[in-house]
Amino acid sequence: MDIPRIKRIAWLTQIVSKSNRKNELQLSQVKKTIKYFQLLT
């Protein structure tokens, strides 16, 4: 495999994992909000 391709793949993987982490944070926030609303009702 040529080096530029490896670098590009690593770079894309980094971006994907970053956005996944953001989504996980948003998901946990949503779950907290749902729990909170369940307590209210």
Protein backbone atom coordinates (compact mmCIF):
# COMPACT_ATOMS: atom_id res chain seq x y z
CA MET A 1 0.00 0.00 0.00
CA ASP A 2 1.22 3.48 -0.80
CA ILE A 3 1.79 5.93 2.06
CA PRO A 4 -0.62 8.72 0.93
CA ARG A 5 -3.48 6.25 0.84
CA ILE A 6 -2.68 4.99 4.34
CA LYS A 7 -2.55 8.57 5.61
CA ARG A 8 -5.88 9.39 3.97
CA ILE A 9 -7.53 6.32 5.50
CA ALA A 10 -6.14 7.16 8.95
CA TRP A 11 -7.37 10.75 8.57
CA LEU A 12 -10.87 9.64 7.56
CA THR A 13 -10.97 7.18 10.45
CA GLN A 14 -10.09 10.00 12.84
CA ILE A 15 -12.89 12.20 11.51
CA VAL A 16 -15.41 9.36 11.73
CA SER A 17 -14.43 8.48 15.30
CA LYS A 18 -14.66 12.17 16.30
CA SER A 19 -18.18 12.50 14.90
CA ASN A 20 -19.14 9.19 16.53
CA ARG A 21 -17.99 10.53 19.89
CA LYS A 22 -20.08 13.67 19.36
CA ASN A 23 -23.11 11.54 18.51
CA GLU A 24 -22.59 9.43 21.64
CA LEU A 25 -22.47 12.58 23.77
CA GLN A 26 -25.67 13.87 22.19
CA LEU A 27 -27.30 10.47 22.67
CA SER A 28 -26.47 10.37 26.38
CA GLN A 29 -27.80 13.93 26.69
CA VAL A 30 -31.06 12.85 25.03
CA LYS A 31 -31.33 9.84 27.36
CA LYS A 32 -30.84 12.10 30.40
CA THR A 33 -33.54 14.45 29.12
CA ILE A 34 -35.95 11.55 28.55
CA LYS A 35 -35.32 10.24 32.08
CA TYR A 36 -35.92 13.73 33.46
CA PHE A 37 -39.25 14.06 31.61
CA GLN A 38 -40.30 10.60 32.79
CA LEU A 39 -39.72 11.75 36.36
CA LEU A 40 -41.89 14.82 35.76
CA THR A 41 -44.88 12.90 34.40
